[in-house]
C-alpha atoms as a PDB file:
ATOM      1  CA  MET A   1     127.782  62.091 129.731  1.00  0.00           C
ATOM      2  CA  GLU A   2     128.420  62.338 133.413  1.00  0.00           C
ATOM      3  CA  PHE A   3     128.060  58.773 133.879  1.00  0.00           C
ATOM      4  CA  GLU A   4     130.655  57.731 131.235  1.00  0.00           C
ATOM      5  CA  LEU A   5     133.207  60.406 132.766  1.00  0.00           C
ATOM      6  CA  SER A   6     132.815  58.832 136.160  1.00  0.00           C
ATOM      7  CA  ASN A   7     132.941  55.346 135.002  1.00  0.00           C
ATOM      8  CA  ASP A   8     136.118  56.247 133.054  1.00  0.00           C
ATOM      9  CA  SER A   9     137.460  57.678 136.262  1.00  0.00           C
ATOM     10  CA  LEU A  10     136.649  54.960 137.951  1.00  0.00           C
ATOM     11  CA  MET A  11     138.132  52.378 135.812  1.00  0.00           C
ATOM     12  CA  LYS A  12     141.520  54.339 135.710  1.00  0.00           C
ATOM     13  CA  ALA A  13     141.607  54.493 139.530  1.00  0.00           C
ATOM     14  CA  LEU A  14     140.631  50.568 140.171  1.00  0.00           C
ATOM     15  CA  PRO A  15     144.014  49.176 139.717  1.00  0.00           C
ATOM     16  CA  ALA A  16     145.473  51.492 142.496  1.00  0.00           C
ATOM     17  CA  LEU A  17     142.156  50.872 144.886  1.00  0.00           C
ATOM     18  CA  LEU A  18     143.008  47.087 144.281  1.00  0.00           C
ATOM     19  CA  GLY A  19     146.423  47.275 144.990  1.00  0.00           C
ATOM     20  CA  ALA A  20     145.731  49.022 148.316  1.00  0.00           C
ATOM     21  CA  TYR A  21     143.516  46.530 149.772  1.00  0.00           C
ATOM     22  CA  PRO A  22     146.656  44.211 151.170  1.00  0.00           C
ATOM     23  CA  SER A  23     148.039  47.085 153.094  1.00  0.00           C
ATOM     24  CA  VAL A  24     144.521  48.047 154.311  1.00  0.00           C
ATOM     25  CA  ALA A  25     144.068  44.427 155.221  1.00  0.00           C
ATOM     26  CA  ARG A  26     147.784  44.412 157.329  1.00  0.00           C
ATOM     27  CA  ALA A  27     146.842  47.614 159.021  1.00  0.00           C
ATOM     28  CA  LEU A  28     143.450  46.351 160.030  1.00  0.00           C
ATOM     29  CA  LYS A  29     144.948  43.097 161.265  1.00  0.00           C
ATOM     30  CA  ALA A  30     147.706  44.629 163.368  1.00  0.00           C
ATOM     31  CA  TYR A  31     145.228  47.048 164.968  1.00  0.00           C
ATOM     32  CA  PHE A  32     143.229  44.111 165.671  1.00  0.00           C
ATOM     33  CA  ASP A  33     146.020  42.201 167.254  1.00  0.00           C
ATOM     34  CA  GLU A  34     147.010  45.218 169.484  1.00  0.00           C
ATOM     35  CA  LEU A  35     143.602  45.713 170.578  1.00  0.00           C
ATOM     36  CA  VAL A  36     143.654  41.778 171.790  1.00  0.00           C
ATOM     37  CA  LYS A  37     147.025  41.999 173.082  1.00  0.00           C
ATOM     38  CA  VAL A  38     146.283  45.110 175.365  1.00  0.00           C
ATOM     39  CA  GLY A  39     143.079  43.089 176.930  1.00  0.00           C
ATOM     40  CA  PHE A  40     139.992  43.651 174.380  1.00  0.00           C
ATOM     41  CA  SER A  41     138.165  40.713 173.748  1.00  0.00           C
ATOM     42  CA  GLU A  42     138.377  39.297 170.264  1.00  0.00           C
ATOM     43  CA  ALA A  43     134.532  40.025 169.587  1.00  0.00           C
ATOM     44  CA  GLN A  44     135.411  43.575 171.242  1.00  0.00           C
ATOM     45  CA  ALA A  45     138.404  44.142 168.879  1.00  0.00           C
ATOM     46  CA  LEU A  46     136.537  43.004 165.842  1.00  0.00           C
ATOM     47  CA  HIS A  47     133.677  45.289 166.657  1.00  0.00           C
ATOM     48  CA  ILE A  48     136.028  48.357 167.357  1.00  0.00           C
ATOM     49  CA  ILE A  49     137.800  47.761 163.817  1.00  0.00           C
ATOM     50  CA  SER A  50     134.419  47.440 162.240  1.00  0.00           C
ATOM     51  CA  VAL A  51     133.263  50.768 163.249  1.00  0.00           C
ATOM     52  CA  GLN A  52     136.564  52.569 163.164  1.00  0.00           C
ATOM     53  CA  GLY A  53     137.940  51.002 160.112  1.00  0.00           C
ATOM     54  CA  VAL A  54     141.558  51.607 159.329  1.00  0.00           C
ATOM     55  CA  MET A  55     141.740  55.062 160.778  1.00  0.00           C
ATOM     56  CA  GLY A  56     140.721  53.870 164.279  1.00  0.00           C
ATOM     57  CA  GLY A  57     141.995  56.335 166.857  1.00  0.00           C
ATOM     58  CA  LEU A  58     143.451  58.737 164.674  1.00  0.00           C
ATOM     59  CA  ASN A  59     140.320  60.777 164.314  1.00  0.00           C
ATOM     60  CA  GLY A  60     139.582  61.006 168.019  1.00  0.00           C
ATOM     61  CA  GLY A  61     138.302  57.566 168.441  1.00  0.00           C
ATOM     62  CA  ASN A  62     135.194  58.078 166.569  1.00  0.00           C
ATOM     63  CA  GLY A  63     134.153  56.422 163.653  1.00  0.00           C
ATOM     64  CA  ASN A  64     133.470  59.357 161.621  1.00  0.00           C
END
């Protein structure tokens, strides 16, 4: 029963989650580009966004 409720909730939320991906991708790309622009190498910028994700710098620069 609990699994069915969880599955139903996920299926209802799925379109919204999928719809958010383009915005998340644009935010990550903009963050990556800005990191490179201020002097980080592409490898460093990729590592930073990989660790911090879309919230980079908004939570004290800590990946948690």
